[in-house]
């Protein structure tokens, strides 16, 4: 993994995490670092979910598909965190 891939993961994570925080209404309590972390974890989670559904979701760099996969995973992650906090 070279520096370009690492930067792509950070940028995709930031965008996906930020969009997911807006959709899940957690934007006011999240900062940039949290958005990046949520987006990166969302990329892994979204890839697992979409591969299990047979859609074939992969984060392959800085492109719309990667942002969409990470966004889906980030929304699922924030939803799970919301459920855990309520319990």
PDB file of N, CA and C in Angstrom:
ATOM      1  N   UNK A   1       0.851  -1.175   0.000  1.00  0.00           N
ATOM      2  CA  UNK A   1       0.000   0.000   0.000  1.00  0.00           C
ATOM      3  C   UNK A   1       0.897   1.239   0.000  1.00  0.00           C
ATOM      4  N   UNK A   2       0.768   2.062  -1.007  1.00  0.00           N
ATOM      5  CA  UNK A   2       1.605   3.246  -1.091  1.00  0.00           C
ATOM      6  C   UNK A   2       0.874   4.465  -0.533  1.00  0.00           C
ATOM      7  N   UNK A   3       1.553   5.596  -0.506  1.00  0.00           N
ATOM      8  CA  UNK A   3       1.010   6.805   0.096  1.00  0.00           C
ATOM      9  C   UNK A   3      -0.236   7.308  -0.634  1.00  0.00           C
ATOM     10  N   UNK A   4      -0.311   7.098  -1.938  1.00  0.00           N
ATOM     11  CA  UNK A   4      -1.487   7.534  -2.698  1.00  0.00           C
ATOM     12  C   UNK A   4      -2.727   6.755  -2.256  1.00  0.00           C
ATOM     13  N   UNK A   5      -2.591   5.468  -2.044  1.00  0.00           N
ATOM     14  CA  UNK A   5      -3.723   4.658  -1.572  1.00  0.00           C
ATOM     15  C   UNK A   5      -4.157   5.070  -0.177  1.00  0.00           C
ATOM     16  N   UNK A   6      -3.203   5.377   0.681  1.00  0.00           N
ATOM     17  CA  UNK A   6      -3.534   5.811   2.040  1.00  0.00           C
ATOM     18  C   UNK A   6      -4.289   7.132   2.001  1.00  0.00           C
ATOM     19  N   UNK A   7      -3.829   8.056   1.181  1.00  0.00           N
ATOM     20  CA  UNK A   7      -4.516   9.341   1.049  1.00  0.00           C
ATOM     21  C   UNK A   7      -5.911   9.145   0.465  1.00  0.00           C
ATOM     22  N   UNK A   8      -6.044   8.238  -0.511  1.00  0.00           N
ATOM     23  CA  UNK A   8      -7.359   7.956  -1.098  1.00  0.00           C
ATOM     24  C   UNK A   8      -8.306   7.407  -0.039  1.00  0.00           C
ATOM     25  N   UNK A   9      -7.860   6.494   0.808  1.00  0.00           N
ATOM     26  CA  UNK A   9      -8.687   5.944   1.882  1.00  0.00           C
ATOM     27  C   UNK A   9      -9.122   7.048   2.840  1.00  0.00           C
ATOM     28  N   UNK A  10      -8.210   7.962   3.172  1.00  0.00           N
ATOM     29  CA  UNK A  10      -8.546   9.048   4.089  1.00  0.00           C
ATOM     30  C   UNK A  10      -9.591   9.974   3.461  1.00  0.00           C
ATOM     31  N   UNK A  11      -9.405  10.324   2.200  1.00  0.00           N
ATOM     32  CA  UNK A  11     -10.350  11.221   1.534  1.00  0.00           C
ATOM     33  C   UNK A  11     -11.713  10.548   1.370  1.00  0.00           C
ATOM     34  N   UNK A  12     -11.717   9.310   0.903  1.00  0.00           N
ATOM     35  CA  UNK A  12     -12.984   8.574   0.748  1.00  0.00           C
ATOM     36  C   UNK A  12     -13.651   8.417   2.115  1.00  0.00           C
ATOM     37  N   UNK A  13     -12.876   8.090   3.138  1.00  0.00           N
ATOM     38  CA  UNK A  13     -13.425   7.958   4.487  1.00  0.00           C
ATOM     39  C   UNK A  13     -14.025   9.251   4.999  1.00  0.00           C
ATOM     40  N   UNK A  14     -13.339  10.364   4.740  1.00  0.00           N
ATOM     41  CA  UNK A  14     -13.845  11.660   5.192  1.00  0.00           C
ATOM     42  C   UNK A  14     -15.163  12.001   4.507  1.00  0.00           C
ATOM     43  N   UNK A  15     -15.231  11.805   3.201  1.00  0.00           N
ATOM     44  CA  UNK A  15     -16.459  12.117   2.460  1.00  0.00           C
ATOM     45  C   UNK A  15     -17.605  11.210   2.892  1.00  0.00           C
ATOM     46  N   UNK A  16     -17.341   9.913   2.938  1.00  0.00           N
ATOM     47  CA  UNK A  16     -18.391   8.950   3.299  1.00  0.00           C
ATOM     48  C   UNK A  16     -18.845   9.147   4.741  1.00  0.00           C
ATOM     49  N   UNK A  17     -17.903   9.357   5.647  1.00  0.00           N
ATOM     50  CA  UNK A  17     -18.256   9.577   7.052  1.00  0.00           C
ATOM     51  C   UNK A  17     -19.057  10.845   7.247  1.00  0.00           C
ATOM     52  N   UNK A  18     -18.678  11.911   6.523  1.00  0.00           N
ATOM     53  CA  UNK A  18     -19.395  13.173   6.622  1.00  0.00           C
ATOM     54  C   UNK A  18     -20.824  13.025   6.085  1.00  0.00           C
ATOM     55  N   UNK A  19     -20.978  12.396   4.920  1.00  0.00           N
ATOM     56  CA  UNK A  19     -22.312  12.195   4.347  1.00  0.00           C
ATOM     57  C   UNK A  19     -23.181  11.317   5.251  1.00  0.00           C
ATOM     58  N   UNK A  20     -22.580  10.266   5.798  1.00  0.00           N
ATOM     59  CA  UNK A  20     -23.335   9.378   6.691  1.00  0.00           C
ATOM     60  C   UNK A  20     -23.744  10.114   7.969  1.00  0.00           C
ATOM     61  N   UNK A  21     -22.875  10.986   8.484  1.00  0.00           N
ATOM     62  CA  UNK A  21     -23.222  11.724   9.702  1.00  0.00           C
ATOM     63  C   UNK A  21     -24.363  12.703   9.440  1.00  0.00           C
ATOM     64  N   UNK A  22     -24.441  13.244   8.217  1.00  0.00           N
ATOM     65  CA  UNK A  22     -25.558  14.123   7.875  1.00  0.00           C
ATOM     66  C   UNK A  22     -26.856  13.315   7.795  1.00  0.00           C
ATOM     67  N   UNK A  23     -26.796  12.160   7.134  1.00  0.00           N
ATOM     68  CA  UNK A  23     -27.984  11.316   6.989  1.00  0.00           C
ATOM     69  C   UNK A  23     -28.471  10.806   8.352  1.00  0.00           C
ATOM     70  N   UNK A  24     -27.534  10.426   9.211  1.00  0.00           N
ATOM     71  CA  UNK A  24     -27.892   9.870  10.521  1.00  0.00           C
ATOM     72  C   UNK A  24     -28.048  10.951  11.594  1.00  0.00           C
ATOM     73  N   UNK A  25     -27.888  12.216  11.216  1.00  0.00           N
ATOM     74  CA  UNK A  25     -28.049  13.365  12.102  1.00  0.00           C
ATOM     75  C   UNK A  25     -27.096  13.331  13.306  1.00  0.00           C
ATOM     76  N   UNK A  26     -25.855  12.916  13.068  1.00  0.00           N
ATOM     77  CA  UNK A  26     -24.821  12.953  14.100  1.00  0.00           C
ATOM     78  C   UNK A  26     -23.731  13.960  13.748  1.00  0.00           C
ATOM     79  N   UNK A  27     -23.980  14.786  12.736  1.00  0.00           N
ATOM     80  CA  UNK A  27     -22.980  15.707  12.226  1.00  0.00           C
ATOM     81  C   UNK A  27     -22.539  16.715  13.288  1.00  0.00           C
ATOM     82  N   UNK A  28     -23.451  17.166  14.139  1.00  0.00           N
ATOM     83  CA  UNK A  28     -23.115  18.172  15.142  1.00  0.00           C
ATOM     84  C   UNK A  28     -22.176  17.630  16.207  1.00  0.00           C
ATOM     85  N   UNK A  29     -22.200  16.329  16.451  1.00  0.00           N
ATOM     86  CA  UNK A  29     -21.364  15.755  17.500  1.00  0.00           C
ATOM     87  C   UNK A  29     -20.097  15.098  16.965  1.00  0.00           C
ATOM     88  N   UNK A  30     -19.898  15.102  15.659  1.00  0.00           N
ATOM     89  CA  UNK A  30     -18.741  14.471  15.058  1.00  0.00           C
ATOM     90  C   UNK A  30     -17.814  15.519  14.464  1.00  0.00           C
ATOM     91  N   UNK A  31     -16.534  15.281  14.597  1.00  0.00           N
ATOM     92  CA  UNK A  31     -15.547  16.131  13.955  1.00  0.00           C
ATOM     93  C   UNK A  31     -14.964  15.431  12.741  1.00  0.00           C
ATOM     94  N   UNK A  32     -13.975  16.072  12.134  1.00  0.00           N
ATOM     95  CA  UNK A  32     -13.357  15.534  10.924  1.00  0.00           C
ATOM     96  C   UNK A  32     -12.702  14.178  11.181  1.00  0.00           C
ATOM     97  N   UNK A  33     -11.984  14.046  12.284  1.00  0.00           N
ATOM     98  CA  UNK A  33     -11.309  12.781  12.577  1.00  0.00           C
ATOM     99  C   UNK A  33     -12.313  11.647  12.750  1.00  0.00           C
ATOM    100  N   UNK A  34     -13.404  11.929  13.440  1.00  0.00           N
ATOM    101  CA  UNK A  34     -14.443  10.902  13.615  1.00  0.00           C
ATOM    102  C   UNK A  34     -15.076  10.541  12.282  1.00  0.00           C
ATOM    103  N   UNK A  35     -15.310  11.541  11.427  1.00  0.00           N
ATOM    104  CA  UNK A  35     -15.852  11.263  10.097  1.00  0.00           C
ATOM    105  C   UNK A  35     -14.918  10.355   9.305  1.00  0.00           C
ATOM    106  N   UNK A  36     -13.613  10.625   9.371  1.00  0.00           N
ATOM    107  CA  UNK A  36     -12.636   9.805   8.648  1.00  0.00           C
ATOM    108  C   UNK A  36     -12.647   8.370   9.175  1.00  0.00           C
ATOM    109  N   UNK A  37     -12.636   8.226  10.492  1.00  0.00           N
ATOM    110  CA  UNK A  37     -12.625   6.879  11.092  1.00  0.00           C
ATOM    111  C   UNK A  37     -13.899   6.122  10.743  1.00  0.00           C
ATOM    112  N   UNK A  38     -15.041   6.786  10.875  1.00  0.00           N
ATOM    113  CA  UNK A  38     -16.325   6.145  10.544  1.00  0.00           C
ATOM    114  C   UNK A  38     -16.355   5.756   9.070  1.00  0.00           C
ATOM    115  N   UNK A  39     -15.846   6.620   8.209  1.00  0.00           N
ATOM    116  CA  UNK A  39     -15.834   6.328   6.777  1.00  0.00           C
ATOM    117  C   UNK A  39     -14.917   5.179   6.406  1.00  0.00           C
ATOM    118  N   UNK A  40     -13.746   5.110   7.039  1.00  0.00           N
ATOM    119  CA  UNK A  40     -12.820   4.011   6.747  1.00  0.00           C
ATOM    120  C   UNK A  40     -13.380   2.683   7.242  1.00  0.00           C
ATOM    121  N   UNK A  41     -13.889   2.673   8.469  1.00  0.00           N
ATOM    122  CA  UNK A  41     -14.517   1.443   8.976  1.00  0.00           C
ATOM    123  C   UNK A  41     -15.738   1.107   8.123  1.00  0.00           C
ATOM    124  N   UNK A  42     -16.480   2.139   7.706  1.00  0.00           N
ATOM    125  CA  UNK A  42     -17.631   1.938   6.833  1.00  0.00           C
ATOM    126  C   UNK A  42     -17.235   1.331   5.501  1.00  0.00           C
ATOM    127  N   UNK A  43     -16.051   1.682   4.996  1.00  0.00           N
ATOM    128  CA  UNK A  43     -15.569   1.083   3.753  1.00  0.00           C
ATOM    129  C   UNK A  43     -15.390  -0.421   3.885  1.00  0.00           C
ATOM    130  N   UNK A  44     -14.792  -0.835   4.993  1.00  0.00           N
ATOM    131  CA  UNK A  44     -14.636  -2.272   5.230  1.00  0.00           C
ATOM    132  C   UNK A  44     -15.989  -2.948   5.428  1.00  0.00           C
ATOM    133  N   UNK A  45     -16.832  -2.336   6.259  1.00  0.00           N
ATOM    134  CA  UNK A  45     -18.135  -2.911   6.557  1.00  0.00           C
ATOM    135  C   UNK A  45     -19.027  -2.946   5.310  1.00  0.00           C
ATOM    136  N   UNK A  46     -19.028  -1.867   4.550  1.00  0.00           N
ATOM    137  CA  UNK A  46     -19.813  -1.826   3.313  1.00  0.00           C
ATOM    138  C   UNK A  46     -19.353  -2.870   2.314  1.00  0.00           C
ATOM    139  N   UNK A  47     -18.041  -3.081   2.214  1.00  0.00           N
ATOM    140  CA  UNK A  47     -17.516  -4.121   1.328  1.00  0.00           C
ATOM    141  C   UNK A  47     -17.984  -5.507   1.735  1.00  0.00           C
ATOM    142  N   UNK A  48     -17.967  -5.762   3.037  1.00  0.00           N
ATOM    143  CA  UNK A  48     -18.417  -7.068   3.539  1.00  0.00           C
ATOM    144  C   UNK A  48     -19.904  -7.262   3.260  1.00  0.00           C
ATOM    145  N   UNK A  49     -20.699  -6.233   3.558  1.00  0.00           N
ATOM    146  CA  UNK A  49     -22.154  -6.334   3.367  1.00  0.00           C
ATOM    147  C   UNK A  49     -22.507  -6.529   1.893  1.00  0.00           C
ATOM    148  N   UNK A  50     -21.927  -5.699   1.027  1.00  0.00           N
ATOM    149  CA  UNK A  50     -22.270  -5.794  -0.395  1.00  0.00           C
ATOM    150  C   UNK A  50     -21.741  -7.074  -1.035  1.00  0.00           C
ATOM    151  N   UNK A  51     -20.585  -7.556  -0.594  1.00  0.00           N
ATOM    152  CA  UNK A  51     -20.096  -8.847  -1.099  1.00  0.00           C
ATOM    153  C   UNK A  51     -20.997  -9.982  -0.644  1.00  0.00           C
ATOM    154  N   UNK A  52     -21.498  -9.910   0.593  1.00  0.00           N
ATOM    155  CA  UNK A  52     -22.404 -10.946   1.090  1.00  0.00           C
ATOM    156  C   UNK A  52     -23.724 -10.945   0.323  1.00  0.00           C
ATOM    157  N   UNK A  53     -24.138  -9.764  -0.147  1.00  0.00           N
ATOM    158  CA  UNK A  53     -25.371  -9.668  -0.932  1.00  0.00           C
ATOM    159  C   UNK A  53     -25.157 -10.017  -2.402  1.00  0.00           C
ATOM    160  N   UNK A  54     -23.904 -10.245  -2.785  1.00  0.00           N
ATOM    161  CA  UNK A  54     -23.595 -10.613  -4.159  1.00  0.00           C
ATOM    162  C   UNK A  54     -23.453  -9.434  -5.100  1.00  0.00           C
ATOM    163  N   UNK A  55     -23.410  -8.218  -4.556  1.00  0.00           N
ATOM    164  CA  UNK A  55     -23.285  -7.017  -5.382  1.00  0.00           C
ATOM    165  C   UNK A  55     -21.829  -6.759  -5.731  1.00  0.00           C
ATOM    166  N   UNK A  56     -20.927  -7.140  -4.872  1.00  0.00           N
ATOM    167  CA  UNK A  56     -19.506  -6.967  -5.132  1.00  0.00           C
ATOM    168  C   UNK A  56     -19.009  -5.574  -4.833  1.00  0.00           C
ATOM    169  N   UNK A  57     -19.152  -5.140  -3.604  1.00  0.00           N
ATOM    170  CA  UNK A  57     -18.703  -3.809  -3.217  1.00  0.00           C
ATOM    171  C   UNK A  57     -17.251  -3.805  -2.810  1.00  0.00           C
ATOM    172  N   UNK A  58     -16.469  -2.978  -3.460  1.00  0.00           N
ATOM    173  CA  UNK A  58     -15.057  -2.848  -3.121  1.00  0.00           C
ATOM    174  C   UNK A  58     -14.677  -1.382  -3.114  1.00  0.00           C
ATOM    175  N   UNK A  59     -13.806  -1.025  -2.188  1.00  0.00           N
ATOM    176  CA  UNK A  59     -13.233   0.311  -2.181  1.00  0.00           C
ATOM    177  C   UNK A  59     -11.902   0.203  -2.916  1.00  0.00           C
ATOM    178  N   UNK A  60     -11.845   0.789  -4.117  1.00  0.00           N
ATOM    179  CA  UNK A  60     -10.686   0.597  -4.990  1.00  0.00           C
ATOM    180  C   UNK A  60      -9.938   1.886  -5.285  1.00  0.00           C
ATOM    181  N   UNK A  61     -10.133   2.872  -4.475  1.00  0.00           N
ATOM    182  CA  UNK A  61      -9.461   4.145  -4.714  1.00  0.00           C
ATOM    183  C   UNK A  61     -10.451   5.276  -4.614  1.00  0.00           C
ATOM    184  N   UNK A  62     -10.096   6.410  -5.176  1.00  0.00           N
ATOM    185  CA  UNK A  62     -10.948   7.581  -5.103  1.00  0.00           C
ATOM    186  C   UNK A  62     -11.870   7.625  -6.317  1.00  0.00           C
ATOM    187  N   UNK A  63     -13.074   7.050  -6.147  1.00  0.00           N
ATOM    188  CA  UNK A  63     -14.090   7.070  -7.195  1.00  0.00           C
ATOM    189  C   UNK A  63     -15.471   7.003  -6.553  1.00  0.00           C
ATOM    190  N   UNK A  64     -16.487   7.210  -7.346  1.00  0.00           N
ATOM    191  CA  UNK A  64     -17.853   7.267  -6.828  1.00  0.00           C
ATOM    192  C   UNK A  64     -18.295   5.946  -6.209  1.00  0.00           C
ATOM    193  N   UNK A  65     -17.917   4.850  -6.813  1.00  0.00           N
ATOM    194  CA  UNK A  65     -18.287   3.535  -6.278  1.00  0.00           C
ATOM    195  C   UNK A  65     -17.702   3.328  -4.883  1.00  0.00           C
ATOM    196  N   UNK A  66     -16.447   3.693  -4.697  1.00  0.00           N
ATOM    197  CA  UNK A  66     -15.806   3.541  -3.395  1.00  0.00           C
ATOM    198  C   UNK A  66     -16.494   4.401  -2.339  1.00  0.00           C
ATOM    199  N   UNK A  67     -16.835   5.632  -2.702  1.00  0.00           N
ATOM    200  CA  UNK A  67     -17.528   6.517  -1.758  1.00  0.00           C
ATOM    201  C   UNK A  67     -18.894   5.941  -1.412  1.00  0.00           C
ATOM    202  N   UNK A  68     -19.602   5.392  -2.384  1.00  0.00           N
ATOM    203  CA  UNK A  68     -20.919   4.805  -2.141  1.00  0.00           C
ATOM    204  C   UNK A  68     -20.834   3.587  -1.216  1.00  0.00           C
ATOM    205  N   UNK A  69     -19.859   2.716  -1.460  1.00  0.00           N
ATOM    206  CA  UNK A  69     -19.675   1.533  -0.609  1.00  0.00           C
ATOM    207  C   UNK A  69     -19.350   1.963   0.819  1.00  0.00           C
ATOM    208  N   UNK A  70     -18.423   2.908   0.974  1.00  0.00           N
ATOM    209  CA  UNK A  70     -18.050   3.385   2.306  1.00  0.00           C
ATOM    210  C   UNK A  70     -19.210   4.104   2.977  1.00  0.00           C
ATOM    211  N   UNK A  71     -19.998   4.848   2.198  1.00  0.00           N
ATOM    212  CA  UNK A  71     -21.168   5.543   2.746  1.00  0.00           C
ATOM    213  C   UNK A  71     -22.190   4.548   3.300  1.00  0.00           C
ATOM    214  N   UNK A  72     -22.484   3.501   2.543  1.00  0.00           N
ATOM    215  CA  UNK A  72     -23.439   2.481   3.003  1.00  0.00           C
ATOM    216  C   UNK A  72     -22.947   1.847   4.300  1.00  0.00           C
ATOM    217  N   UNK A  73     -21.679   1.470   4.329  1.00  0.00           N
ATOM    218  CA  UNK A  73     -21.119   0.877   5.541  1.00  0.00           C
ATOM    219  C   UNK A  73     -21.114   1.847   6.709  1.00  0.00           C
ATOM    220  N   UNK A  74     -20.843   3.127   6.455  1.00  0.00           N
ATOM    221  CA  UNK A  74     -20.811   4.123   7.523  1.00  0.00           C
ATOM    222  C   UNK A  74     -22.207   4.357   8.099  1.00  0.00           C
ATOM    223  N   UNK A  75     -23.220   4.355   7.245  1.00  0.00           N
ATOM    224  CA  UNK A  75     -24.593   4.504   7.736  1.00  0.00           C
ATOM    225  C   UNK A  75     -24.970   3.308   8.605  1.00  0.00           C
ATOM    226  N   UNK A  76     -24.610   2.118   8.168  1.00  0.00           N
ATOM    227  CA  UNK A  76     -24.878   0.916   8.970  1.00  0.00           C
ATOM    228  C   UNK A  76     -24.134   1.002  10.303  1.00  0.00           C
ATOM    229  N   UNK A  77     -22.869   1.415  10.267  1.00  0.00           N
ATOM    230  CA  UNK A  77     -22.074   1.532  11.495  1.00  0.00           C
ATOM    231  C   UNK A  77     -22.695   2.538  12.456  1.00  0.00           C
ATOM    232  N   UNK A  78     -23.073   3.711  11.974  1.00  0.00           N
ATOM    233  CA  UNK A  78     -23.682   4.705  12.851  1.00  0.00           C
ATOM    234  C   UNK A  78     -25.027   4.226  13.391  1.00  0.00           C
ATOM    235  N   UNK A  79     -25.778   3.493  12.579  1.00  0.00           N
ATOM    236  CA  UNK A  79     -27.034   2.908  13.055  1.00  0.00           C
ATOM    237  C   UNK A  79     -26.806   1.891  14.159  1.00  0.00           C
ATOM    238  N   UNK A  80     -25.796   1.042  13.992  1.00  0.00           N
ATOM    239  CA  UNK A  80     -25.469   0.058  15.031  1.00  0.00           C
ATOM    240  C   UNK A  80     -25.014   0.744  16.311  1.00  0.00           C
ATOM    241  N   UNK A  81     -24.197   1.779  16.175  1.00  0.00           N
ATOM    242  CA  UNK A  81     -23.742   2.519  17.356  1.00  0.00           C
ATOM    243  C   UNK A  81     -24.906   3.184  18.073  1.00  0.00           C
ATOM    244  N   UNK A  82     -25.865   3.687  17.313  1.00  0.00           N
ATOM    245  CA  UNK A  82     -27.050   4.294  17.925  1.00  0.00           C
ATOM    246  C   UNK A  82     -27.854   3.249  18.704  1.00  0.00           C
ATOM    247  N   UNK A  83     -27.997   2.043  18.144  1.00  0.00           N
ATOM    248  CA  UNK A  83     -28.711   0.963  18.840  1.00  0.00           C
ATOM    249  C   UNK A  83     -27.992   0.549  20.127  1.00  0.00           C
ATOM    250  N   UNK A  84     -26.671   0.472  20.064  1.00  0.00           N
ATOM    251  CA  UNK A  84     -25.898   0.072  21.246  1.00  0.00           C
ATOM    252  C   UNK A  84     -26.009   1.122  22.346  1.00  0.00           C
ATOM    253  N   UNK A  85     -25.980   2.401  21.976  1.00  0.00           N
ATOM    254  CA  UNK A  85     -26.081   3.475  22.985  1.00  0.00           C
ATOM    255  C   UNK A  85     -27.437   3.496  23.658  1.00  0.00           C
ATOM    256  N   UNK A  86     -28.491   3.113  22.935  1.00  0.00           N
ATOM    257  CA  UNK A  86     -29.829   3.101  23.519  1.00  0.00           C
ATOM    258  C   UNK A  86     -30.022   1.945  24.480  1.00  0.00           C
ATOM    259  N   UNK A  87     -29.301   0.863  24.260  1.00  0.00           N
ATOM    260  CA  UNK A  87     -29.500  -0.340  25.098  1.00  0.00           C
ATOM    261  C   UNK A  87     -28.910  -0.185  26.476  1.00  0.00           C
TER     262      UNK A  87
END
